[in-house]
């Protein structure tokens, strides 16, 4: 497997071929991982200006894509609204300035 800091960070590789986020989905379910992804996307949007710039925005996008991967059916509407709010925030950022 090829590692990169956004899609397959080496520090999350373990003794198995399963990535940490996949194990979290088994442990916490679809809604749990949805919320974890929203929290991580929020964190990367919060800090991108002061830490890793474009890489943090790429990570925020990765987590939002992962949150949406299983679809939004069955996710409480309040959480879906937060997903769309974060997606809108990411879309409004001028990535050329990073």
PDB file of N, CA and C in Angstrom:
ATOM      1  N   UNK A   1       0.847  -1.182   0.000  1.00  0.00           N
ATOM      2  CA  UNK A   1       0.000   0.000   0.000  1.00  0.00           C
ATOM      3  C   UNK A   1       0.886   1.237   0.000  1.00  0.00           C
ATOM      4  N   UNK A   2       0.486   2.209  -0.783  1.00  0.00           N
ATOM      5  CA  UNK A   2       1.217   3.471  -0.837  1.00  0.00           C
ATOM      6  C   UNK A   2       0.633   4.422   0.200  1.00  0.00           C
ATOM      7  N   UNK A   3       1.484   5.036   0.990  1.00  0.00           N
ATOM      8  CA  UNK A   3       1.041   5.921   2.052  1.00  0.00           C
ATOM      9  C   UNK A   3       1.171   7.385   1.636  1.00  0.00           C
ATOM     10  N   UNK A   4       0.219   8.187   2.091  1.00  0.00           N
ATOM     11  CA  UNK A   4       0.341   9.640   2.020  1.00  0.00           C
ATOM     12  C   UNK A   4      -0.405  10.200   3.218  1.00  0.00           C
ATOM     13  N   UNK A   5      -0.091  11.423   3.584  1.00  0.00           N
ATOM     14  CA  UNK A   5      -0.625  11.986   4.828  1.00  0.00           C
ATOM     15  C   UNK A   5      -2.126  12.216   4.820  1.00  0.00           C
ATOM     16  N   UNK A   6      -2.757  12.217   3.652  1.00  0.00           N
ATOM     17  CA  UNK A   6      -4.194  12.468   3.588  1.00  0.00           C
ATOM     18  C   UNK A   6      -4.980  11.168   3.478  1.00  0.00           C
ATOM     19  N   UNK A   7      -4.682  10.345   2.498  1.00  0.00           N
ATOM     20  CA  UNK A   7      -5.508   9.171   2.213  1.00  0.00           C
ATOM     21  C   UNK A   7      -5.123   7.906   2.953  1.00  0.00           C
ATOM     22  N   UNK A   8      -3.849   7.685   3.163  1.00  0.00           N
ATOM     23  CA  UNK A   8      -3.383   6.471   3.845  1.00  0.00           C
ATOM     24  C   UNK A   8      -2.153   6.796   4.686  1.00  0.00           C
ATOM     25  N   UNK A   9      -2.343   7.488   5.826  1.00  0.00           N
ATOM     26  CA  UNK A   9      -1.182   7.847   6.644  1.00  0.00           C
ATOM     27  C   UNK A   9      -0.489   6.606   7.207  1.00  0.00           C
ATOM     28  N   UNK A  10       0.815   6.586   7.103  1.00  0.00           N
ATOM     29  CA  UNK A  10       1.587   5.437   7.584  1.00  0.00           C
ATOM     30  C   UNK A  10       1.411   5.235   9.086  1.00  0.00           C
ATOM     31  N   UNK A  11       1.198   6.314   9.837  1.00  0.00           N
ATOM     32  CA  UNK A  11       1.083   6.180  11.290  1.00  0.00           C
ATOM     33  C   UNK A  11      -0.219   5.502  11.722  1.00  0.00           C
ATOM     34  N   UNK A  12      -1.158   5.270  10.797  1.00  0.00           N
ATOM     35  CA  UNK A  12      -2.362   4.514  11.120  1.00  0.00           C
ATOM     36  C   UNK A  12      -2.298   3.086  10.615  1.00  0.00           C
ATOM     37  N   UNK A  13      -1.225   2.719   9.951  1.00  0.00           N
ATOM     38  CA  UNK A  13      -1.066   1.347   9.481  1.00  0.00           C
ATOM     39  C   UNK A  13      -0.699   0.473  10.672  1.00  0.00           C
ATOM     40  N   UNK A  14      -1.314  -0.652  10.748  1.00  0.00           N
ATOM     41  CA  UNK A  14      -1.025  -1.563  11.846  1.00  0.00           C
ATOM     42  C   UNK A  14      -0.560  -2.901  11.315  1.00  0.00           C
ATOM     43  N   UNK A  15      -0.743  -3.903  12.115  1.00  0.00           N
ATOM     44  CA  UNK A  15      -0.325  -5.254  11.750  1.00  0.00           C
ATOM     45  C   UNK A  15      -1.311  -5.910  10.793  1.00  0.00           C
ATOM     46  N   UNK A  16      -2.424  -5.235  10.502  1.00  0.00           N
ATOM     47  CA  UNK A  16      -3.432  -5.798   9.602  1.00  0.00           C
ATOM     48  C   UNK A  16      -3.579  -4.891   8.384  1.00  0.00           C
ATOM     49  N   UNK A  17      -4.330  -5.361   7.415  1.00  0.00           N
ATOM     50  CA  UNK A  17      -4.593  -4.538   6.237  1.00  0.00           C
ATOM     51  C   UNK A  17      -5.761  -3.583   6.478  1.00  0.00           C
ATOM     52  N   UNK A  18      -6.438  -3.708   7.622  1.00  0.00           N
ATOM     53  CA  UNK A  18      -7.575  -2.846   7.939  1.00  0.00           C
ATOM     54  C   UNK A  18      -7.070  -1.513   8.476  1.00  0.00           C
ATOM     55  N   UNK A  19      -7.620  -0.434   7.944  1.00  0.00           N
ATOM     56  CA  UNK A  19      -7.268   0.882   8.457  1.00  0.00           C
ATOM     57  C   UNK A  19      -8.066   1.179   9.718  1.00  0.00           C
ATOM     58  N   UNK A  20      -7.543   2.071  10.517  1.00  0.00           N
ATOM     59  CA  UNK A  20      -8.153   2.425  11.795  1.00  0.00           C
ATOM     60  C   UNK A  20      -9.609   2.847  11.626  1.00  0.00           C
ATOM     61  N   UNK A  21      -9.914   3.668  10.638  1.00  0.00           N
ATOM     62  CA  UNK A  21     -11.278   4.167  10.470  1.00  0.00           C
ATOM     63  C   UNK A  21     -12.251   3.042  10.148  1.00  0.00           C
ATOM     64  N   UNK A  22     -11.778   2.011   9.441  1.00  0.00           N
ATOM     65  CA  UNK A  22     -12.632   0.852   9.163  1.00  0.00           C
ATOM     66  C   UNK A  22     -12.909   0.072  10.447  1.00  0.00           C
ATOM     67  N   UNK A  23     -11.910  -0.056  11.297  1.00  0.00           N
ATOM     68  CA  UNK A  23     -12.105  -0.725  12.593  1.00  0.00           C
ATOM     69  C   UNK A  23     -13.059   0.088  13.462  1.00  0.00           C
ATOM     70  N   UNK A  24     -12.954   1.427  13.382  1.00  0.00           N
ATOM     71  CA  UNK A  24     -13.859   2.277  14.151  1.00  0.00           C
ATOM     72  C   UNK A  24     -15.294   2.087  13.685  1.00  0.00           C
ATOM     73  N   UNK A  25     -15.486   1.902  12.388  1.00  0.00           N
ATOM     74  CA  UNK A  25     -16.843   1.686  11.891  1.00  0.00           C
ATOM     75  C   UNK A  25     -17.416   0.377  12.419  1.00  0.00           C
ATOM     76  N   UNK A  26     -16.579  -0.638  12.502  1.00  0.00           N
ATOM     77  CA  UNK A  26     -17.034  -1.905  13.085  1.00  0.00           C
ATOM     78  C   UNK A  26     -17.372  -1.740  14.564  1.00  0.00           C
ATOM     79  N   UNK A  27     -16.586  -0.940  15.269  1.00  0.00           N
ATOM     80  CA  UNK A  27     -16.781  -0.765  16.706  1.00  0.00           C
ATOM     81  C   UNK A  27     -17.925   0.190  17.045  1.00  0.00           C
ATOM     82  N   UNK A  28     -18.061   1.280  16.292  1.00  0.00           N
ATOM     83  CA  UNK A  28     -19.002   2.338  16.659  1.00  0.00           C
ATOM     84  C   UNK A  28     -20.189   2.482  15.714  1.00  0.00           C
ATOM     85  N   UNK A  29     -20.153   1.792  14.590  1.00  0.00           N
ATOM     86  CA  UNK A  29     -21.254   1.845  13.642  1.00  0.00           C
ATOM     87  C   UNK A  29     -21.178   3.056  12.728  1.00  0.00           C
ATOM     88  N   UNK A  30     -22.102   3.072  11.778  1.00  0.00           N
ATOM     89  CA  UNK A  30     -22.146   4.116  10.751  1.00  0.00           C
ATOM     90  C   UNK A  30     -22.322   5.509  11.357  1.00  0.00           C
ATOM     91  N   UNK A  31     -23.263   5.652  12.276  1.00  0.00           N
ATOM     92  CA  UNK A  31     -23.510   6.970  12.862  1.00  0.00           C
ATOM     93  C   UNK A  31     -22.327   7.433  13.693  1.00  0.00           C
ATOM     94  N   UNK A  32     -21.714   6.524  14.421  1.00  0.00           N
ATOM     95  CA  UNK A  32     -20.543   6.885  15.221  1.00  0.00           C
ATOM     96  C   UNK A  32     -19.400   7.402  14.363  1.00  0.00           C
ATOM     97  N   UNK A  33     -19.120   6.708  13.264  1.00  0.00           N
ATOM     98  CA  UNK A  33     -18.040   7.136  12.372  1.00  0.00           C
ATOM     99  C   UNK A  33     -18.429   8.422  11.652  1.00  0.00           C
ATOM    100  N   UNK A  34     -19.692   8.591  11.329  1.00  0.00           N
ATOM    101  CA  UNK A  34     -20.156   9.848  10.735  1.00  0.00           C
ATOM    102  C   UNK A  34     -19.794  11.015  11.650  1.00  0.00           C
ATOM    103  N   UNK A  35     -20.074  10.871  12.943  1.00  0.00           N
ATOM    104  CA  UNK A  35     -19.791  11.943  13.897  1.00  0.00           C
ATOM    105  C   UNK A  35     -18.292  12.145  14.089  1.00  0.00           C
ATOM    106  N   UNK A  36     -17.532  11.065  14.114  1.00  0.00           N
ATOM    107  CA  UNK A  36     -16.073  11.179  14.204  1.00  0.00           C
ATOM    108  C   UNK A  36     -15.546  11.954  13.001  1.00  0.00           C
ATOM    109  N   UNK A  37     -16.052  11.631  11.832  1.00  0.00           N
ATOM    110  CA  UNK A  37     -15.613  12.319  10.616  1.00  0.00           C
ATOM    111  C   UNK A  37     -15.968  13.797  10.640  1.00  0.00           C
ATOM    112  N   UNK A  38     -17.165  14.122  11.116  1.00  0.00           N
ATOM    113  CA  UNK A  38     -17.534  15.535  11.221  1.00  0.00           C
ATOM    114  C   UNK A  38     -16.603  16.262  12.180  1.00  0.00           C
ATOM    115  N   UNK A  39     -16.309  15.632  13.310  1.00  0.00           N
ATOM    116  CA  UNK A  39     -15.411  16.242  14.283  1.00  0.00           C
ATOM    117  C   UNK A  39     -14.021  16.465  13.718  1.00  0.00           C
ATOM    118  N   UNK A  40     -13.513  15.484  13.002  1.00  0.00           N
ATOM    119  CA  UNK A  40     -12.188  15.635  12.410  1.00  0.00           C
ATOM    120  C   UNK A  40     -12.180  16.695  11.314  1.00  0.00           C
ATOM    121  N   UNK A  41     -13.222  16.730  10.483  1.00  0.00           N
ATOM    122  CA  UNK A  41     -13.307  17.759   9.444  1.00  0.00           C
ATOM    123  C   UNK A  41     -13.326  19.143  10.086  1.00  0.00           C
ATOM    124  N   UNK A  42     -14.098  19.288  11.153  1.00  0.00           N
ATOM    125  CA  UNK A  42     -14.168  20.561  11.876  1.00  0.00           C
ATOM    126  C   UNK A  42     -12.780  20.961  12.374  1.00  0.00           C
ATOM    127  N   UNK A  43     -12.073  19.999  12.978  1.00  0.00           N
ATOM    128  CA  UNK A  43     -10.738  20.270  13.508  1.00  0.00           C
ATOM    129  C   UNK A  43      -9.795  20.767  12.408  1.00  0.00           C
ATOM    130  N   UNK A  44      -9.793  20.105  11.264  1.00  0.00           N
ATOM    131  CA  UNK A  44      -8.887  20.507  10.192  1.00  0.00           C
ATOM    132  C   UNK A  44      -9.271  21.854   9.586  1.00  0.00           C
ATOM    133  N   UNK A  45     -10.565  22.147   9.506  1.00  0.00           N
ATOM    134  CA  UNK A  45     -10.990  23.467   9.032  1.00  0.00           C
ATOM    135  C   UNK A  45     -10.604  24.548  10.034  1.00  0.00           C
ATOM    136  N   UNK A  46     -10.674  24.219  11.296  1.00  0.00           N
ATOM    137  CA  UNK A  46     -10.358  25.166  12.360  1.00  0.00           C
ATOM    138  C   UNK A  46      -8.889  25.582  12.316  1.00  0.00           C
ATOM    139  N   UNK A  47      -8.002  24.628  12.058  1.00  0.00           N
ATOM    140  CA  UNK A  47      -6.580  24.888  12.230  1.00  0.00           C
ATOM    141  C   UNK A  47      -5.792  25.138  10.945  1.00  0.00           C
ATOM    142  N   UNK A  48      -6.406  24.979   9.776  1.00  0.00           N
ATOM    143  CA  UNK A  48      -5.644  24.982   8.528  1.00  0.00           C
ATOM    144  C   UNK A  48      -4.787  26.232   8.337  1.00  0.00           C
ATOM    145  N   UNK A  49      -5.273  27.393   8.777  1.00  0.00           N
ATOM    146  CA  UNK A  49      -4.508  28.637   8.582  1.00  0.00           C
ATOM    147  C   UNK A  49      -3.227  28.675   9.414  1.00  0.00           C
ATOM    148  N   UNK A  50      -3.256  28.008  10.560  1.00  0.00           N
ATOM    149  CA  UNK A  50      -2.143  28.100  11.506  1.00  0.00           C
ATOM    150  C   UNK A  50      -1.254  26.869  11.549  1.00  0.00           C
ATOM    151  N   UNK A  51      -1.610  25.828  10.812  1.00  0.00           N
ATOM    152  CA  UNK A  51      -0.792  24.627  10.919  1.00  0.00           C
ATOM    153  C   UNK A  51      -0.333  24.119   9.558  1.00  0.00           C
ATOM    154  N   UNK A  52      -1.150  23.351   8.865  1.00  0.00           N
ATOM    155  CA  UNK A  52      -0.681  22.668   7.656  1.00  0.00           C
ATOM    156  C   UNK A  52      -1.320  23.150   6.365  1.00  0.00           C
ATOM    157  N   UNK A  53      -2.039  24.245   6.403  1.00  0.00           N
ATOM    158  CA  UNK A  53      -2.592  24.825   5.185  1.00  0.00           C
ATOM    159  C   UNK A  53      -3.372  23.850   4.324  1.00  0.00           C
ATOM    160  N   UNK A  54      -2.950  23.717   3.083  1.00  0.00           N
ATOM    161  CA  UNK A  54      -3.666  22.899   2.091  1.00  0.00           C
ATOM    162  C   UNK A  54      -3.834  21.444   2.541  1.00  0.00           C
ATOM    163  N   UNK A  55      -2.823  20.888   3.189  1.00  0.00           N
ATOM    164  CA  UNK A  55      -2.941  19.501   3.650  1.00  0.00           C
ATOM    165  C   UNK A  55      -4.105  19.341   4.631  1.00  0.00           C
ATOM    166  N   UNK A  56      -4.282  20.303   5.525  1.00  0.00           N
ATOM    167  CA  UNK A  56      -5.406  20.225   6.460  1.00  0.00           C
ATOM    168  C   UNK A  56      -6.737  20.343   5.723  1.00  0.00           C
ATOM    169  N   UNK A  57      -6.814  21.177   4.690  1.00  0.00           N
ATOM    170  CA  UNK A  57      -8.045  21.274   3.908  1.00  0.00           C
ATOM    171  C   UNK A  57      -8.311  19.966   3.163  1.00  0.00           C
ATOM    172  N   UNK A  58      -7.263  19.338   2.655  1.00  0.00           N
ATOM    173  CA  UNK A  58      -7.425  18.035   1.992  1.00  0.00           C
ATOM    174  C   UNK A  58      -7.921  16.990   2.978  1.00  0.00           C
ATOM    175  N   UNK A  59      -7.415  17.042   4.205  1.00  0.00           N
ATOM    176  CA  UNK A  59      -7.871  16.096   5.231  1.00  0.00           C
ATOM    177  C   UNK A  59      -9.335  16.367   5.605  1.00  0.00           C
ATOM    178  N   UNK A  60      -9.697  17.636   5.722  1.00  0.00           N
ATOM    179  CA  UNK A  60     -11.094  17.975   6.013  1.00  0.00           C
ATOM    180  C   UNK A  60     -11.995  17.419   4.920  1.00  0.00           C
ATOM    181  N   UNK A  61     -11.582  17.578   3.673  1.00  0.00           N
ATOM    182  CA  UNK A  61     -12.380  17.048   2.565  1.00  0.00           C
ATOM    183  C   UNK A  61     -12.454  15.523   2.617  1.00  0.00           C
ATOM    184  N   UNK A  62     -11.356  14.883   2.946  1.00  0.00           N
ATOM    185  CA  UNK A  62     -11.339  13.418   3.044  1.00  0.00           C
ATOM    186  C   UNK A  62     -12.360  12.956   4.078  1.00  0.00           C
ATOM    187  N   UNK A  63     -12.362  13.603   5.243  1.00  0.00           N
ATOM    188  CA  UNK A  63     -13.297  13.200   6.302  1.00  0.00           C
ATOM    189  C   UNK A  63     -14.750  13.488   5.919  1.00  0.00           C
ATOM    190  N   UNK A  64     -14.995  14.579   5.225  1.00  0.00           N
ATOM    191  CA  UNK A  64     -16.364  14.844   4.778  1.00  0.00           C
ATOM    192  C   UNK A  64     -16.794  13.815   3.728  1.00  0.00           C
ATOM    193  N   UNK A  65     -15.885  13.457   2.846  1.00  0.00           N
ATOM    194  CA  UNK A  65     -16.211  12.414   1.867  1.00  0.00           C
ATOM    195  C   UNK A  65     -16.466  11.085   2.557  1.00  0.00           C
ATOM    196  N   UNK A  66     -15.676  10.765   3.551  1.00  0.00           N
ATOM    197  CA  UNK A  66     -15.861   9.508   4.288  1.00  0.00           C
ATOM    198  C   UNK A  66     -17.195   9.527   5.038  1.00  0.00           C
ATOM    199  N   UNK A  67     -17.551  10.665   5.614  1.00  0.00           N
ATOM    200  CA  UNK A  67     -18.827  10.774   6.328  1.00  0.00           C
ATOM    201  C   UNK A  67     -19.985  10.472   5.384  1.00  0.00           C
ATOM    202  N   UNK A  68     -19.855  10.891   4.149  1.00  0.00           N
ATOM    203  CA  UNK A  68     -20.924  10.731   3.169  1.00  0.00           C
ATOM    204  C   UNK A  68     -20.864   9.377   2.461  1.00  0.00           C
ATOM    205  N   UNK A  69     -19.797   8.658   2.622  1.00  0.00           N
ATOM    206  CA  UNK A  69     -19.561   7.410   1.888  1.00  0.00           C
ATOM    207  C   UNK A  69     -20.697   6.403   2.015  1.00  0.00           C
ATOM    208  N   UNK A  70     -21.230   6.239   3.191  1.00  0.00           N
ATOM    209  CA  UNK A  70     -22.307   5.269   3.417  1.00  0.00           C
ATOM    210  C   UNK A  70     -23.685   5.869   3.199  1.00  0.00           C
ATOM    211  N   UNK A  71     -23.737   7.093   2.729  1.00  0.00           N
ATOM    212  CA  UNK A  71     -25.015   7.760   2.538  1.00  0.00           C
ATOM    213  C   UNK A  71     -25.470   8.430   3.820  1.00  0.00           C
ATOM    214  N   UNK A  72     -26.499   9.223   3.706  1.00  0.00           N
ATOM    215  CA  UNK A  72     -26.998   9.978   4.855  1.00  0.00           C
ATOM    216  C   UNK A  72     -28.283   9.395   5.423  1.00  0.00           C
ATOM    217  N   UNK A  73     -28.817   8.359   4.792  1.00  0.00           N
ATOM    218  CA  UNK A  73     -30.030   7.719   5.313  1.00  0.00           C
ATOM    219  C   UNK A  73     -29.752   7.141   6.691  1.00  0.00           C
ATOM    220  N   UNK A  74     -30.630   7.408   7.609  1.00  0.00           N
ATOM    221  CA  UNK A  74     -30.486   6.892   8.967  1.00  0.00           C
ATOM    222  C   UNK A  74     -29.676   7.793   9.884  1.00  0.00           C
ATOM    223  N   UNK A  75     -29.061   8.826   9.337  1.00  0.00           N
ATOM    224  CA  UNK A  75     -28.312   9.786  10.155  1.00  0.00           C
ATOM    225  C   UNK A  75     -29.290  10.872  10.599  1.00  0.00           C
ATOM    226  N   UNK A  76     -29.339  11.192  11.898  1.00  0.00           N
ATOM    227  CA  UNK A  76     -30.267  12.229  12.361  1.00  0.00           C
ATOM    228  C   UNK A  76     -30.089  13.535  11.596  1.00  0.00           C
ATOM    229  N   UNK A  77     -31.209  14.187  11.305  1.00  0.00           N
ATOM    230  CA  UNK A  77     -31.188  15.387  10.465  1.00  0.00           C
ATOM    231  C   UNK A  77     -30.301  16.493  11.033  1.00  0.00           C
ATOM    232  N   UNK A  78     -30.206  16.611  12.355  1.00  0.00           N
ATOM    233  CA  UNK A  78     -29.350  17.650  12.947  1.00  0.00           C
ATOM    234  C   UNK A  78     -27.888  17.421  12.563  1.00  0.00           C
ATOM    235  N   UNK A  79     -27.476  16.167  12.484  1.00  0.00           N
ATOM    236  CA  UNK A  79     -26.096  15.854  12.096  1.00  0.00           C
ATOM    237  C   UNK A  79     -25.895  16.076  10.600  1.00  0.00           C
ATOM    238  N   UNK A  80     -26.907  15.762   9.812  1.00  0.00           N
ATOM    239  CA  UNK A  80     -26.810  15.988   8.365  1.00  0.00           C
ATOM    240  C   UNK A  80     -26.666  17.488   8.086  1.00  0.00           C
ATOM    241  N   UNK A  81     -27.400  18.308   8.822  1.00  0.00           N
ATOM    242  CA  UNK A  81     -27.282  19.762   8.663  1.00  0.00           C
ATOM    243  C   UNK A  81     -25.864  20.229   8.965  1.00  0.00           C
ATOM    244  N   UNK A  82     -25.255  19.660   9.996  1.00  0.00           N
ATOM    245  CA  UNK A  82     -23.879  20.030  10.339  1.00  0.00           C
ATOM    246  C   UNK A  82     -22.914  19.585   9.244  1.00  0.00           C
ATOM    247  N   UNK A  83     -23.175  18.429   8.652  1.00  0.00           N
ATOM    248  CA  UNK A  83     -22.356  17.960   7.532  1.00  0.00           C
ATOM    249  C   UNK A  83     -22.387  18.999   6.409  1.00  0.00           C
ATOM    250  N   UNK A  84     -23.580  19.432   6.013  1.00  0.00           N
ATOM    251  CA  UNK A  84     -23.705  20.398   4.915  1.00  0.00           C
ATOM    252  C   UNK A  84     -23.097  21.757   5.279  1.00  0.00           C
ATOM    253  N   UNK A  85     -23.183  22.139   6.542  1.00  0.00           N
ATOM    254  CA  UNK A  85     -22.561  23.396   6.961  1.00  0.00           C
ATOM    255  C   UNK A  85     -21.041  23.313   6.807  1.00  0.00           C
ATOM    256  N   UNK A  86     -20.443  22.212   7.254  1.00  0.00           N
ATOM    257  CA  UNK A  86     -18.993  22.044   7.108  1.00  0.00           C
ATOM    258  C   UNK A  86     -18.595  21.963   5.638  1.00  0.00           C
ATOM    259  N   UNK A  87     -19.379  21.261   4.840  1.00  0.00           N
ATOM    260  CA  UNK A  87     -19.093  21.160   3.402  1.00  0.00           C
ATOM    261  C   UNK A  87     -19.123  22.551   2.771  1.00  0.00           C
ATOM    262  N   UNK A  88     -20.093  23.375   3.161  1.00  0.00           N
ATOM    263  CA  UNK A  88     -20.180  24.737   2.650  1.00  0.00           C
ATOM    264  C   UNK A  88     -18.989  25.582   3.067  1.00  0.00           C
ATOM    265  N   UNK A  89     -18.553  25.423   4.320  1.00  0.00           N
ATOM    266  CA  UNK A  89     -17.380  26.161   4.790  1.00  0.00           C
ATOM    267  C   UNK A  89     -16.151  25.796   3.957  1.00  0.00           C
ATOM    268  N   UNK A  90     -15.965  24.512   3.713  1.00  0.00           N
ATOM    269  CA  UNK A  90     -14.822  24.063   2.921  1.00  0.00           C
ATOM    270  C   UNK A  90     -14.902  24.610   1.502  1.00  0.00           C
ATOM    271  N   UNK A  91     -16.082  24.576   0.918  1.00  0.00           N
ATOM    272  CA  UNK A  91     -16.256  25.061  -0.454  1.00  0.00           C
ATOM    273  C   UNK A  91     -15.984  26.557  -0.583  1.00  0.00           C
ATOM    274  N   UNK A  92     -16.162  27.316   0.488  1.00  0.00           N
ATOM    275  CA  UNK A  92     -15.962  28.768   0.443  1.00  0.00           C
ATOM    276  C   UNK A  92     -14.506  29.184   0.598  1.00  0.00           C
ATOM    277  N   UNK A  93     -13.635  28.285   1.003  1.00  0.00           N
ATOM    278  CA  UNK A  93     -12.233  28.628   1.225  1.00  0.00           C
ATOM    279  C   UNK A  93     -11.503  28.696  -0.108  1.00  0.00           C
ATOM    280  N   UNK A  94     -10.763  29.759  -0.298  1.00  0.00           N
ATOM    281  CA  UNK A  94      -9.955  29.935  -1.500  1.00  0.00           C
ATOM    282  C   UNK A  94      -8.648  29.163  -1.304  1.00  0.00           C
ATOM    283  N   UNK A  95      -8.592  27.964  -1.859  1.00  0.00           N
ATOM    284  CA  UNK A  95      -7.428  27.102  -1.657  1.00  0.00           C
ATOM    285  C   UNK A  95      -6.185  27.612  -2.373  1.00  0.00           C
ATOM    286  N   UNK A  96      -6.343  28.548  -3.293  1.00  0.00           N
ATOM    287  CA  UNK A  96      -5.188  29.106  -3.992  1.00  0.00           C
ATOM    288  C   UNK A  96      -4.314  29.928  -3.036  1.00  0.00           C
ATOM    289  N   UNK A  97      -4.893  30.382  -1.923  1.00  0.00           N
ATOM    290  CA  UNK A  97      -4.137  31.188  -0.989  1.00  0.00           C
ATOM    291  C   UNK A  97      -3.423  30.345   0.064  1.00  0.00           C
ATOM    292  N   UNK A  98      -3.537  29.045  -0.015  1.00  0.00           N
ATOM    293  CA  UNK A  98      -2.887  28.172   0.971  1.00  0.00           C
ATOM    294  C   UNK A  98      -1.477  27.835   0.554  1.00  0.00           C
TER     295      UNK A  98
END
